[in-house]
Amino acid sequence: FGLDESDLPPGVVVVNRPETLYARYKGLVWTALAVFAVMAGCILGLALALAARKRAVRALQASEARYRTSVDSAPTAIFIADTAGWLRDVNPAACHMTGWSREELLAQNIADVLDPASREEGMRGFAAIDAQARTAEVLGRTKDGTSRWWSIAAVQLAPDRVLGFVADVTERKAAETRLRDSETRYKLLAEQAPISIMAFDAKGVITFVNKRHLDVFAGGRKAPGFFLGRRLIELPGIVGAGIADKLEPLLRGVPIDLEAVYFPEFTGGHAGYVNLRGVPLHQEDGTFVGGILIREDVTARIGMERSLTAARNEAEAANQAK
């Protein structure tokens, strides 16, 4: 009747009170509010997940960019292949070393870039690559058909990927062959060789050290007289690296090959990694008369390998965060 309840006399009981809109639809209102709250929560969760995914993608892209830059700027040839041997990625240094373009290499199998003389052995070695780094020297084939000796350090990058660092060591292999052929020619070539060479007699006493060793490992601080007349296994650098016992077989006429040996201090006062190859020399009757110790500074290569491994691990972590 248009009356306000406050205007009614005391004690009046109102019957058939009109039902309010809220009372009529109370259940529907709370249901709608609950659905809205759930939807809002879902939307917020999706927004947070999307933001996290975007951050992970950006991190992955940045990591991949750093990895790509490291690979492309590496001075060492880098090959990445699948487990069947098909090349999946190469860097400019690999193209320069082989003479093939990137597109040409990515259309080939590892077997295609090996010299026929090394193909069977090379593929057996490839099949044996696992998470532990392996090294080998194989005869490769360039685009123009030239055979070249390559030193390979390879490791399994992922279940379906193999990473290989390859260096052309043709000159070194040729030098080793020439050194065995003639002692006279050996001394001439050794003095001018781009690798460290020491010669020693049957008692292990050093009789020759080339300029490369004096420049790189002695840092120009020592003259040949510092080395000449000393036993090979008693040199400070050899003792400091803890490899005197590993050189003992060489002094008995047995070849040695040591990869990536860490020297905490060279004669020149600096540290680094070295590949060592010992070649014994024998007279025609088989008598051991001494030999040569060849050293190659691989510090820069080891540093690059570690940088690439760190970039790979960072990329994998970012990929898992997506």
C-alpha atoms as a PDB file:
ATOM      1  CA  PHE A   1       0.000   0.000   0.000  1.00  0.00           C
ATOM      2  CA  GLY A   2       2.933   2.318  -0.247  1.00  0.00           C
ATOM      3  CA  LEU A   3       3.434   2.507   3.525  1.00  0.00           C
ATOM      4  CA  ASP A   4       6.793   2.413   5.174  1.00  0.00           C
ATOM      5  CA  GLU A   5       7.052  -0.119   8.005  1.00  0.00           C
ATOM      6  CA  SER A   6       8.323   2.620  10.346  1.00  0.00           C
ATOM      7  CA  ASP A   7       4.931   4.399   9.986  1.00  0.00           C
ATOM      8  CA  LEU A   8       2.927   1.395  11.228  1.00  0.00           C
ATOM      9  CA  PRO A   9       1.599   1.227  14.821  1.00  0.00           C
ATOM     10  CA  PRO A  10       3.565  -0.852  17.294  1.00  0.00           C
ATOM     11  CA  GLY A  11       2.726  -4.544  17.372  1.00  0.00           C
ATOM     12  CA  VAL A  12       1.483  -4.668  13.785  1.00  0.00           C
ATOM     13  CA  VAL A  13       2.494  -7.874  12.042  1.00  0.00           C
ATOM     14  CA  VAL A  14       3.204  -7.613   8.345  1.00  0.00           C
ATOM     15  CA  VAL A  15       2.106 -10.620   6.343  1.00  0.00           C
ATOM     16  CA  ASN A  16       2.740 -11.444   2.715  1.00  0.00           C
ATOM     17  CA  ARG A  17       5.813  -9.229   2.687  1.00  0.00           C
ATOM     18  CA  PRO A  18       7.002  -8.804  -0.943  1.00  0.00           C
ATOM     19  CA  GLU A  19      10.120 -10.973  -1.693  1.00  0.00           C
ATOM     20  CA  THR A  20      13.282  -8.974  -2.545  1.00  0.00           C
ATOM     21  CA  LEU A  21      15.235  -9.564  -5.718  1.00  0.00           C
ATOM     22  CA  TYR A  22      18.259 -10.682  -3.648  1.00  0.00           C
ATOM     23  CA  ALA A  23      16.173 -13.145  -1.638  1.00  0.00           C
ATOM     24  CA  ARG A  24      14.611 -14.530  -4.813  1.00  0.00           C
ATOM     25  CA  TYR A  25      17.955 -15.072  -6.587  1.00  0.00           C
ATOM     26  CA  LYS A  26      20.320 -15.482  -3.585  1.00  0.00           C
ATOM     27  CA  GLY A  27      21.551 -18.951  -4.616  1.00  0.00           C
ATOM     28  CA  LEU A  28      22.098 -17.901  -8.197  1.00  0.00           C
ATOM     29  CA  VAL A  29      23.981 -14.757  -7.111  1.00  0.00           C
ATOM     30  CA  TRP A  30      26.411 -16.674  -4.869  1.00  0.00           C
ATOM     31  CA  THR A  31      26.883 -19.330  -7.511  1.00  0.00           C
ATOM     32  CA  ALA A  32      27.715 -16.664 -10.082  1.00  0.00           C
ATOM     33  CA  LEU A  33      30.128 -14.990  -7.660  1.00  0.00           C
ATOM     34  CA  ALA A  34      31.844 -18.311  -6.972  1.00  0.00           C
ATOM     35  CA  VAL A  35      32.184 -19.055 -10.682  1.00  0.00           C
ATOM     36  CA  PHE A  36      33.573 -15.564 -11.264  1.00  0.00           C
ATOM     37  CA  ALA A  37      36.104 -16.018  -8.451  1.00  0.00           C
ATOM     38  CA  VAL A  38      37.266 -19.346  -9.899  1.00  0.00           C
ATOM     39  CA  MET A  39      37.529 -17.857 -13.376  1.00  0.00           C
ATOM     40  CA  ALA A  40      39.481 -14.888 -12.017  1.00  0.00           C
ATOM     41  CA  GLY A  41      41.853 -17.262 -10.252  1.00  0.00           C
ATOM     42  CA  CYS A  42      42.323 -19.285 -13.433  1.00  0.00           C
ATOM     43  CA  ILE A  43      42.944 -16.155 -15.475  1.00  0.00           C
ATOM     44  CA  LEU A  44      45.485 -14.901 -12.934  1.00  0.00           C
ATOM     45  CA  GLY A  45      47.222 -18.303 -12.903  1.00  0.00           C
ATOM     46  CA  LEU A  46      47.344 -18.385 -16.683  1.00  0.00           C
ATOM     47  CA  ALA A  47      48.697 -14.844 -16.788  1.00  0.00           C
ATOM     48  CA  LEU A  48      51.443 -15.714 -14.322  1.00  0.00           C
ATOM     49  CA  ALA A  49      52.286 -18.914 -16.220  1.00  0.00           C
ATOM     50  CA  LEU A  50      52.359 -17.014 -19.515  1.00  0.00           C
ATOM     51  CA  ALA A  51      54.659 -14.365 -18.029  1.00  0.00           C
ATOM     52  CA  ALA A  52      56.981 -17.067 -16.666  1.00  0.00           C
ATOM     53  CA  ARG A  53      57.001 -18.806 -20.044  1.00  0.00           C
ATOM     54  CA  LYS A  54      57.830 -15.555 -21.812  1.00  0.00           C
ATOM     55  CA  ARG A  55      60.733 -14.966 -19.426  1.00  0.00           C
ATOM     56  CA  ALA A  56      61.982 -18.516 -20.012  1.00  0.00           C
ATOM     57  CA  VAL A  57      61.694 -18.085 -23.785  1.00  0.00           C
ATOM     58  CA  ARG A  58      63.605 -14.812 -23.656  1.00  0.00           C
ATOM     59  CA  ALA A  59      66.296 -16.441 -21.499  1.00  0.00           C
ATOM     60  CA  LEU A  60      66.491 -19.363 -23.896  1.00  0.00           C
ATOM     61  CA  GLN A  61      66.737 -17.071 -26.901  1.00  0.00           C
ATOM     62  CA  ALA A  62      69.486 -15.037 -25.225  1.00  0.00           C
ATOM     63  CA  SER A  63      71.367 -18.197 -24.283  1.00  0.00           C
ATOM     64  CA  GLU A  64      71.014 -19.600 -27.792  1.00  0.00           C
ATOM     65  CA  ALA A  65      72.253 -16.300 -29.231  1.00  0.00           C
ATOM     66  CA  ARG A  66      75.337 -16.428 -26.999  1.00  0.00           C
ATOM     67  CA  TYR A  67      75.886 -20.066 -27.945  1.00  0.00           C
ATOM     68  CA  ARG A  68      75.542 -19.248 -31.651  1.00  0.00           C
ATOM     69  CA  THR A  69      77.991 -16.360 -31.315  1.00  0.00           C
ATOM     70  CA  SER A  70      80.510 -18.567 -29.507  1.00  0.00           C
ATOM     71  CA  VAL A  71      80.235 -21.277 -32.149  1.00  0.00           C
ATOM     72  CA  ASP A  72      80.440 -18.917 -35.120  1.00  0.00           C
ATOM     73  CA  SER A  73      83.408 -16.991 -33.722  1.00  0.00           C
ATOM     74  CA  ALA A  74      85.366 -20.061 -32.605  1.00  0.00           C
ATOM     75  CA  PRO A  75      88.748 -20.408 -34.340  1.00  0.00           C
ATOM     76  CA  THR A  76      88.415 -24.198 -34.155  1.00  0.00           C
ATOM     77  CA  ALA A  77      86.229 -26.075 -36.623  1.00  0.00           C
ATOM     78  CA  ILE A  78      83.034 -27.290 -34.919  1.00  0.00           C
ATOM     79  CA  PHE A  79      80.769 -30.029 -36.250  1.00  0.00           C
ATOM     80  CA  ILE A  80      77.471 -31.192 -34.729  1.00  0.00           C
ATOM     81  CA  ALA A  81      75.988 -34.435 -36.071  1.00  0.00           C
ATOM     82  CA  ASP A  82      73.139 -36.753 -35.198  1.00  0.00           C
ATOM     83  CA  THR A  83      73.773 -40.331 -34.114  1.00  0.00           C
ATOM     84  CA  ALA A  84      73.483 -41.536 -37.718  1.00  0.00           C
ATOM     85  CA  GLY A  85      76.369 -39.279 -38.697  1.00  0.00           C
ATOM     86  CA  TRP A  86      74.393 -36.633 -40.605  1.00  0.00           C
ATOM     87  CA  LEU A  87      75.763 -33.149 -40.049  1.00  0.00           C
ATOM     88  CA  ARG A  88      73.273 -30.830 -38.342  1.00  0.00           C
ATOM     89  CA  ASP A  89      75.379 -27.751 -37.675  1.00  0.00           C
ATOM     90  CA  VAL A  90      78.841 -26.414 -38.540  1.00  0.00           C
ATOM     91  CA  ASN A  91      80.638 -23.144 -37.944  1.00  0.00           C
ATOM     92  CA  PRO A  92      82.509 -20.916 -40.417  1.00  0.00           C
ATOM     93  CA  ALA A  93      85.852 -22.411 -39.357  1.00  0.00           C
ATOM     94  CA  ALA A  94      84.598 -25.850 -40.413  1.00  0.00           C
ATOM     95  CA  CYS A  95      83.587 -24.483 -43.807  1.00  0.00           C
ATOM     96  CA  HIS A  96      86.974 -22.831 -44.233  1.00  0.00           C
ATOM     97  CA  MET A  97      88.830 -26.003 -43.244  1.00  0.00           C
ATOM     98  CA  THR A  98      86.901 -28.295 -45.598  1.00  0.00           C
ATOM     99  CA  GLY A  99      86.223 -25.907 -48.491  1.00  0.00           C
ATOM    100  CA  TRP A 100      82.498 -26.701 -48.445  1.00  0.00           C
ATOM    101  CA  SER A 101      79.777 -24.153 -47.745  1.00  0.00           C
ATOM    102  CA  ARG A 102      77.494 -24.571 -44.735  1.00  0.00           C
ATOM    103  CA  GLU A 103      74.632 -25.720 -46.953  1.00  0.00           C
ATOM    104  CA  GLU A 104      76.848 -28.289 -48.668  1.00  0.00           C
ATOM    105  CA  LEU A 105      78.114 -29.690 -45.387  1.00  0.00           C
ATOM    106  CA  LEU A 106      74.631 -29.953 -43.866  1.00  0.00           C
ATOM    107  CA  ALA A 107      73.635 -32.159 -46.791  1.00  0.00           C
ATOM    108  CA  GLN A 108      76.422 -34.643 -46.035  1.00  0.00           C
ATOM    109  CA  ASN A 109      77.202 -37.458 -43.641  1.00  0.00           C
ATOM    110  CA  ILE A 110      80.427 -37.581 -41.663  1.00  0.00           C
ATOM    111  CA  ALA A 111      81.487 -40.505 -43.829  1.00  0.00           C
ATOM    112  CA  ASP A 112      81.334 -38.178 -46.852  1.00  0.00           C
ATOM    113  CA  VAL A 113      84.029 -35.867 -45.447  1.00  0.00           C
ATOM    114  CA  LEU A 114      86.404 -38.684 -44.498  1.00  0.00           C
ATOM    115  CA  ASP A 115      89.085 -39.962 -46.819  1.00  0.00           C
ATOM    116  CA  PRO A 116      88.265 -43.505 -48.031  1.00  0.00           C
ATOM    117  CA  ALA A 117      91.433 -44.707 -46.300  1.00  0.00           C
ATOM    118  CA  SER A 118      90.077 -43.556 -42.906  1.00  0.00           C
ATOM    119  CA  ARG A 119      86.341 -43.936 -43.475  1.00  0.00           C
ATOM    120  CA  GLU A 120      85.775 -47.348 -41.879  1.00  0.00           C
ATOM    121  CA  GLU A 121      87.963 -46.638 -38.851  1.00  0.00           C
ATOM    122  CA  GLY A 122      86.550 -43.140 -38.503  1.00  0.00           C
ATOM    123  CA  MET A 123      82.933 -44.310 -38.448  1.00  0.00           C
ATOM    124  CA  ARG A 124      83.756 -47.019 -35.899  1.00  0.00           C
ATOM    125  CA  GLY A 125      85.228 -44.323 -33.696  1.00  0.00           C
ATOM    126  CA  PHE A 126      82.169 -42.114 -34.237  1.00  0.00           C
ATOM    127  CA  ALA A 127      79.821 -44.914 -33.186  1.00  0.00           C
ATOM    128  CA  ALA A 128      81.758 -45.311 -29.937  1.00  0.00           C
ATOM    129  CA  ILE A 129      81.432 -41.653 -28.868  1.00  0.00           C
ATOM    130  CA  ASP A 130      79.645 -41.203 -25.541  1.00  0.00           C
ATOM    131  CA  ALA A 131      79.462 -38.676 -22.710  1.00  0.00           C
ATOM    132  CA  GLN A 132      83.195 -39.060 -22.138  1.00  0.00           C
ATOM    133  CA  ALA A 133      85.286 -36.935 -24.498  1.00  0.00           C
ATOM    134  CA  ARG A 134      87.213 -38.959 -27.081  1.00  0.00           C
ATOM    135  CA  THR A 135      90.091 -37.911 -29.301  1.00  0.00           C
ATOM    136  CA  ALA A 136      91.331 -39.326 -32.577  1.00  0.00           C
ATOM    137  CA  GLU A 137      93.222 -38.429 -35.704  1.00  0.00           C
ATOM    138  CA  VAL A 138      91.669 -39.308 -39.041  1.00  0.00           C
ATOM    139  CA  LEU A 139      92.348 -38.575 -42.673  1.00  0.00           C
ATOM    140  CA  GLY A 140      89.719 -36.147 -43.927  1.00  0.00           C
ATOM    141  CA  ARG A 141      88.769 -35.071 -47.432  1.00  0.00           C
ATOM    142  CA  THR A 142      88.255 -31.462 -48.547  1.00  0.00           C
ATOM    143  CA  LYS A 143      85.926 -30.306 -51.305  1.00  0.00           C
ATOM    144  CA  ASP A 144      88.696 -30.367 -53.913  1.00  0.00           C
ATOM    145  CA  GLY A 145      89.522 -33.973 -53.017  1.00  0.00           C
ATOM    146  CA  THR A 146      92.672 -33.199 -51.037  1.00  0.00           C
ATOM    147  CA  SER A 147      93.372 -35.526 -48.106  1.00  0.00           C
ATOM    148  CA  ARG A 148      94.149 -33.766 -44.827  1.00  0.00           C
ATOM    149  CA  TRP A 149      94.904 -35.066 -41.342  1.00  0.00           C
ATOM    150  CA  TRP A 150      92.360 -33.908 -38.756  1.00  0.00           C
ATOM    151  CA  SER A 151      92.626 -34.105 -34.981  1.00  0.00           C
ATOM    152  CA  ILE A 152      89.176 -34.631 -33.467  1.00  0.00           C
ATOM    153  CA  ALA A 153      87.917 -34.181 -29.893  1.00  0.00           C
ATOM    154  CA  ALA A 154      84.294 -35.344 -29.698  1.00  0.00           C
ATOM    155  CA  VAL A 155      81.647 -35.839 -27.022  1.00  0.00           C
ATOM    156  CA  GLN A 156      77.958 -36.745 -26.937  1.00  0.00           C
ATOM    157  CA  LEU A 157      76.138 -33.420 -26.615  1.00  0.00           C
ATOM    158  CA  ALA A 158      72.654 -34.938 -26.185  1.00  0.00           C
ATOM    159  CA  PRO A 159      71.081 -38.373 -26.774  1.00  0.00           C
ATOM    160  CA  ASP A 160      70.777 -37.539 -30.484  1.00  0.00           C
ATOM    161  CA  ARG A 161      73.657 -35.105 -30.963  1.00  0.00           C
ATOM    162  CA  VAL A 162      77.452 -35.409 -31.110  1.00  0.00           C
ATOM    163  CA  LEU A 163      79.734 -32.380 -30.825  1.00  0.00           C
ATOM    164  CA  GLY A 164      83.185 -32.438 -32.399  1.00  0.00           C
ATOM    165  CA  PHE A 165      86.097 -29.981 -32.327  1.00  0.00           C
ATOM    166  CA  VAL A 166      88.361 -30.528 -35.328  1.00  0.00           C
ATOM    167  CA  ALA A 167      91.788 -29.122 -36.105  1.00  0.00           C
ATOM    168  CA  ASP A 168      93.863 -29.615 -39.233  1.00  0.00           C
ATOM    169  CA  VAL A 169      97.135 -31.242 -38.137  1.00  0.00           C
ATOM    170  CA  THR A 170      98.429 -32.129 -41.588  1.00  0.00           C
ATOM    171  CA  GLU A 171     101.531 -30.023 -41.148  1.00  0.00           C
ATOM    172  CA  ARG A 172     102.265 -31.601 -37.792  1.00  0.00           C
ATOM    173  CA  LYS A 173     101.804 -35.125 -39.156  1.00  0.00           C
ATOM    174  CA  ALA A 174     104.026 -34.318 -42.101  1.00  0.00           C
ATOM    175  CA  ALA A 175     106.616 -32.897 -39.715  1.00  0.00           C
ATOM    176  CA  GLU A 176     106.581 -36.083 -37.641  1.00  0.00           C
ATOM    177  CA  THR A 177     107.111 -38.194 -40.743  1.00  0.00           C
ATOM    178  CA  ARG A 178     109.946 -36.056 -41.959  1.00  0.00           C
ATOM    179  CA  LEU A 179     111.551 -36.082 -38.533  1.00  0.00           C
ATOM    180  CA  ARG A 180     111.652 -39.866 -38.539  1.00  0.00           C
ATOM    181  CA  ASP A 181     113.129 -39.950 -42.047  1.00  0.00           C
ATOM    182  CA  SER A 182     116.232 -37.891 -41.427  1.00  0.00           C
ATOM    183  CA  GLU A 183     117.954 -36.602 -38.313  1.00  0.00           C
ATOM    184  CA  THR A 184     119.692 -33.870 -40.289  1.00  0.00           C
ATOM    185  CA  ARG A 185     116.480 -32.694 -41.879  1.00  0.00           C
ATOM    186  CA  TYR A 186     114.791 -33.112 -38.511  1.00  0.00           C
ATOM    187  CA  LYS A 187     117.033 -30.597 -36.794  1.00  0.00           C
ATOM    188  CA  LEU A 188     116.503 -28.036 -39.533  1.00  0.00           C
ATOM    189  CA  LEU A 189     112.755 -28.457 -39.622  1.00  0.00           C
ATOM    190  CA  ALA A 190     112.430 -28.745 -35.858  1.00  0.00           C
ATOM    191  CA  GLU A 191     114.072 -25.398 -35.319  1.00  0.00           C
ATOM    192  CA  GLN A 192     111.508 -23.752 -37.598  1.00  0.00           C
ATOM    193  CA  ALA A 193     108.503 -25.889 -36.651  1.00  0.00           C
ATOM    194  CA  PRO A 194     105.366 -24.156 -35.316  1.00  0.00           C
ATOM    195  CA  ILE A 195     105.251 -26.625 -32.395  1.00  0.00           C
ATOM    196  CA  SER A 196     107.542 -27.237 -29.445  1.00  0.00           C
ATOM    197  CA  ILE A 197     110.153 -29.940 -30.081  1.00  0.00           C
ATOM    198  CA  MET A 198     112.757 -31.382 -27.735  1.00  0.00           C
ATOM    199  CA  ALA A 199     115.239 -34.124 -28.599  1.00  0.00           C
ATOM    200  CA  PHE A 200     116.876 -36.414 -26.060  1.00  0.00           C
ATOM    201  CA  ASP A 201     119.417 -39.237 -26.106  1.00  0.00           C
ATOM    202  CA  ALA A 202     119.091 -42.840 -24.915  1.00  0.00           C
ATOM    203  CA  LYS A 203     119.578 -41.719 -21.306  1.00  0.00           C
ATOM    204  CA  GLY A 204     116.789 -39.167 -21.518  1.00  0.00           C
ATOM    205  CA  VAL A 205     119.177 -36.203 -21.543  1.00  0.00           C
ATOM    206  CA  ILE A 206     117.982 -33.266 -23.639  1.00  0.00           C
ATOM    207  CA  THR A 207     120.173 -32.585 -26.654  1.00  0.00           C
ATOM    208  CA  PHE A 208     118.010 -30.108 -28.579  1.00  0.00           C
ATOM    209  CA  VAL A 209     115.200 -27.608 -27.949  1.00  0.00           C
ATOM    210  CA  ASN A 210     113.669 -25.512 -30.681  1.00  0.00           C
ATOM    211  CA  LYS A 211     112.837 -21.823 -30.799  1.00  0.00           C
ATOM    212  CA  ARG A 212     109.089 -22.445 -30.548  1.00  0.00           C
ATOM    213  CA  HIS A 213     109.521 -24.012 -27.130  1.00  0.00           C
ATOM    214  CA  LEU A 214     111.679 -21.168 -25.926  1.00  0.00           C
ATOM    215  CA  ASP A 215     109.143 -18.597 -27.140  1.00  0.00           C
ATOM    216  CA  VAL A 216     105.872 -20.269 -26.055  1.00  0.00           C
ATOM    217  CA  PHE A 217     106.640 -22.400 -23.023  1.00  0.00           C
ATOM    218  CA  ALA A 218     109.701 -20.611 -21.682  1.00  0.00           C
ATOM    219  CA  GLY A 219     108.202 -17.220 -22.475  1.00  0.00           C
ATOM    220  CA  GLY A 220     111.488 -16.041 -23.951  1.00  0.00           C
ATOM    221  CA  ARG A 221     112.949 -16.049 -20.434  1.00  0.00           C
ATOM    222  CA  LYS A 222     115.297 -19.013 -20.853  1.00  0.00           C
ATOM    223  CA  ALA A 223     118.120 -19.806 -23.289  1.00  0.00           C
ATOM    224  CA  PRO A 224     118.668 -23.303 -24.750  1.00  0.00           C
ATOM    225  CA  GLY A 225     121.365 -23.895 -22.123  1.00  0.00           C
ATOM    226  CA  PHE A 226     118.715 -24.029 -19.405  1.00  0.00           C
ATOM    227  CA  PHE A 227     117.358 -27.243 -20.948  1.00  0.00           C
ATOM    228  CA  LEU A 228     120.358 -28.872 -22.632  1.00  0.00           C
ATOM    229  CA  GLY A 229     122.077 -31.512 -20.529  1.00  0.00           C
ATOM    230  CA  ARG A 230     119.107 -31.977 -18.183  1.00  0.00           C
ATOM    231  CA  ARG A 231     117.040 -35.155 -18.046  1.00  0.00           C
ATOM    232  CA  LEU A 232     113.651 -34.764 -19.685  1.00  0.00           C
ATOM    233  CA  ILE A 233     111.683 -36.121 -16.718  1.00  0.00           C
ATOM    234  CA  GLU A 234     113.466 -33.761 -14.320  1.00  0.00           C
ATOM    235  CA  LEU A 235     112.401 -30.527 -15.978  1.00  0.00           C
ATOM    236  CA  PRO A 236     110.514 -28.285 -13.506  1.00  0.00           C
ATOM    237  CA  GLY A 237     107.434 -28.059 -15.729  1.00  0.00           C
ATOM    238  CA  ILE A 238     107.233 -31.847 -16.193  1.00  0.00           C
ATOM    239  CA  VAL A 239     107.636 -32.443 -12.465  1.00  0.00           C
ATOM    240  CA  GLY A 240     105.093 -29.758 -11.600  1.00  0.00           C
ATOM    241  CA  ALA A 241     102.525 -31.283 -13.959  1.00  0.00           C
ATOM    242  CA  GLY A 242     103.023 -34.668 -12.281  1.00  0.00           C
ATOM    243  CA  ILE A 243     103.679 -36.565 -15.524  1.00  0.00           C
ATOM    244  CA  ALA A 244     107.285 -37.679 -15.078  1.00  0.00           C
ATOM    245  CA  ASP A 245     106.128 -41.279 -14.602  1.00  0.00           C
ATOM    246  CA  LYS A 246     104.052 -41.085 -17.794  1.00  0.00           C
ATOM    247  CA  LEU A 247     107.157 -40.116 -19.777  1.00  0.00           C
ATOM    248  CA  GLU A 248     109.187 -43.059 -18.462  1.00  0.00           C
ATOM    249  CA  PRO A 249     107.944 -45.440 -21.226  1.00  0.00           C
ATOM    250  CA  LEU A 250     109.237 -42.978 -23.845  1.00  0.00           C
ATOM    251  CA  LEU A 251     112.736 -43.275 -22.356  1.00  0.00           C
ATOM    252  CA  ARG A 252     112.444 -47.032 -22.898  1.00  0.00           C
ATOM    253  CA  GLY A 253     111.556 -46.644 -26.561  1.00  0.00           C
ATOM    254  CA  VAL A 254     107.752 -46.714 -26.284  1.00  0.00           C
ATOM    255  CA  PRO A 255     105.706 -43.960 -28.020  1.00  0.00           C
ATOM    256  CA  ILE A 256     103.427 -41.877 -25.791  1.00  0.00           C
ATOM    257  CA  ASP A 257     100.464 -39.644 -26.494  1.00  0.00           C
ATOM    258  CA  LEU A 258      99.070 -37.435 -23.717  1.00  0.00           C
ATOM    259  CA  GLU A 259      96.089 -35.168 -24.316  1.00  0.00           C
ATOM    260  CA  ALA A 260      95.224 -31.900 -22.561  1.00  0.00           C
ATOM    261  CA  VAL A 261      97.745 -32.150 -19.729  1.00  0.00           C
ATOM    262  CA  TYR A 262      97.492 -29.240 -17.300  1.00  0.00           C
ATOM    263  CA  PHE A 263     100.766 -27.498 -16.454  1.00  0.00           C
ATOM    264  CA  PRO A 264     100.323 -25.296 -13.354  1.00  0.00           C
ATOM    265  CA  GLU A 265     103.492 -23.459 -14.305  1.00  0.00           C
ATOM    266  CA  PHE A 266     105.578 -23.529 -17.468  1.00  0.00           C
ATOM    267  CA  THR A 267     109.196 -22.462 -17.441  1.00  0.00           C
ATOM    268  CA  GLY A 268     107.956 -19.045 -18.531  1.00  0.00           C
ATOM    269  CA  GLY A 269     105.888 -18.738 -15.345  1.00  0.00           C
ATOM    270  CA  HIS A 270     102.394 -19.104 -16.873  1.00  0.00           C
ATOM    271  CA  ALA A 271      99.949 -22.041 -16.793  1.00  0.00           C
ATOM    272  CA  GLY A 272      98.127 -23.884 -19.562  1.00  0.00           C
ATOM    273  CA  TYR A 273      97.093 -27.115 -21.260  1.00  0.00           C
ATOM    274  CA  VAL A 274      99.356 -29.126 -23.539  1.00  0.00           C
ATOM    275  CA  ASN A 275      99.117 -32.134 -25.846  1.00  0.00           C
ATOM    276  CA  LEU A 276     102.319 -34.176 -25.709  1.00  0.00           C
ATOM    277  CA  ARG A 277     103.493 -36.761 -28.193  1.00  0.00           C
ATOM    278  CA  GLY A 278     106.680 -38.718 -27.654  1.00  0.00           C
ATOM    279  CA  VAL A 279     108.365 -40.395 -30.630  1.00  0.00           C
ATOM    280  CA  PRO A 280     111.255 -42.795 -29.893  1.00  0.00           C
ATOM    281  CA  LEU A 281     114.089 -43.155 -32.412  1.00  0.00           C
ATOM    282  CA  HIS A 282     115.792 -46.476 -33.185  1.00  0.00           C
ATOM    283  CA  GLN A 283     118.739 -47.543 -35.269  1.00  0.00           C
ATOM    284  CA  GLU A 284     118.230 -50.019 -38.085  1.00  0.00           C
ATOM    285  CA  ASP A 285     119.107 -52.870 -35.713  1.00  0.00           C
ATOM    286  CA  GLY A 286     116.364 -51.738 -33.324  1.00  0.00           C
ATOM    287  CA  THR A 287     118.639 -50.107 -30.759  1.00  0.00           C
ATOM    288  CA  PHE A 288     116.963 -47.249 -28.930  1.00  0.00           C
ATOM    289  CA  VAL A 289     119.014 -44.083 -29.393  1.00  0.00           C
ATOM    290  CA  GLY A 290     116.686 -41.420 -28.004  1.00  0.00           C
ATOM    291  CA  GLY A 291     113.663 -39.596 -29.329  1.00  0.00           C
ATOM    292  CA  ILE A 292     111.706 -36.385 -29.561  1.00  0.00           C
ATOM    293  CA  LEU A 293     108.977 -34.856 -27.422  1.00  0.00           C
ATOM    294  CA  ILE A 294     106.458 -32.708 -29.263  1.00  0.00           C
ATOM    295  CA  ARG A 295     104.256 -30.291 -27.358  1.00  0.00           C
ATOM    296  CA  GLU A 296     101.254 -28.365 -28.599  1.00  0.00           C
ATOM    297  CA  ASP A 297      99.666 -25.560 -26.559  1.00  0.00           C
ATOM    298  CA  VAL A 298      95.882 -26.235 -26.503  1.00  0.00           C
ATOM    299  CA  THR A 299      94.981 -23.784 -23.745  1.00  0.00           C
ATOM    300  CA  ALA A 300      92.824 -21.644 -26.048  1.00  0.00           C
ATOM    301  CA  ARG A 301      90.966 -24.675 -27.369  1.00  0.00           C
ATOM    302  CA  ILE A 302      90.242 -25.990 -23.870  1.00  0.00           C
ATOM    303  CA  GLY A 303      88.930 -22.580 -22.868  1.00  0.00           C
ATOM    304  CA  MET A 304      86.611 -22.494 -25.875  1.00  0.00           C
ATOM    305  CA  GLU A 305      85.327 -26.003 -25.152  1.00  0.00           C
ATOM    306  CA  ARG A 306      84.492 -24.992 -21.601  1.00  0.00           C
ATOM    307  CA  SER A 307      82.722 -21.843 -22.771  1.00  0.00           C
ATOM    308  CA  LEU A 308      80.619 -23.819 -25.230  1.00  0.00           C
ATOM    309  CA  THR A 309      79.802 -26.439 -22.605  1.00  0.00           C
ATOM    310  CA  ALA A 310      78.692 -23.706 -20.187  1.00  0.00           C
ATOM    311  CA  ALA A 311      76.533 -22.124 -22.903  1.00  0.00           C
ATOM    312  CA  ARG A 312      75.020 -25.514 -23.712  1.00  0.00           C
ATOM    313  CA  ASN A 313      74.184 -26.179 -20.046  1.00  0.00           C
ATOM    314  CA  GLU A 314      72.641 -22.733 -19.724  1.00  0.00           C
ATOM    315  CA  ALA A 315      70.513 -23.321 -22.826  1.00  0.00           C
ATOM    316  CA  GLU A 316      69.330 -26.691 -21.495  1.00  0.00           C
ATOM    317  CA  ALA A 317      68.404 -25.140 -18.138  1.00  0.00           C
ATOM    318  CA  ALA A 318      66.459 -22.372 -19.824  1.00  0.00           C
ATOM    319  CA  ASN A 319      64.706 -24.899 -22.076  1.00  0.00           C
ATOM    320  CA  GLN A 320      63.639 -26.975 -19.056  1.00  0.00           C
ATOM    321  CA  ALA A 321      62.208 -23.867 -17.408  1.00  0.00           C
ATOM    322  CA  LYS A 322      59.761 -23.287 -20.273  1.00  0.00           C
END
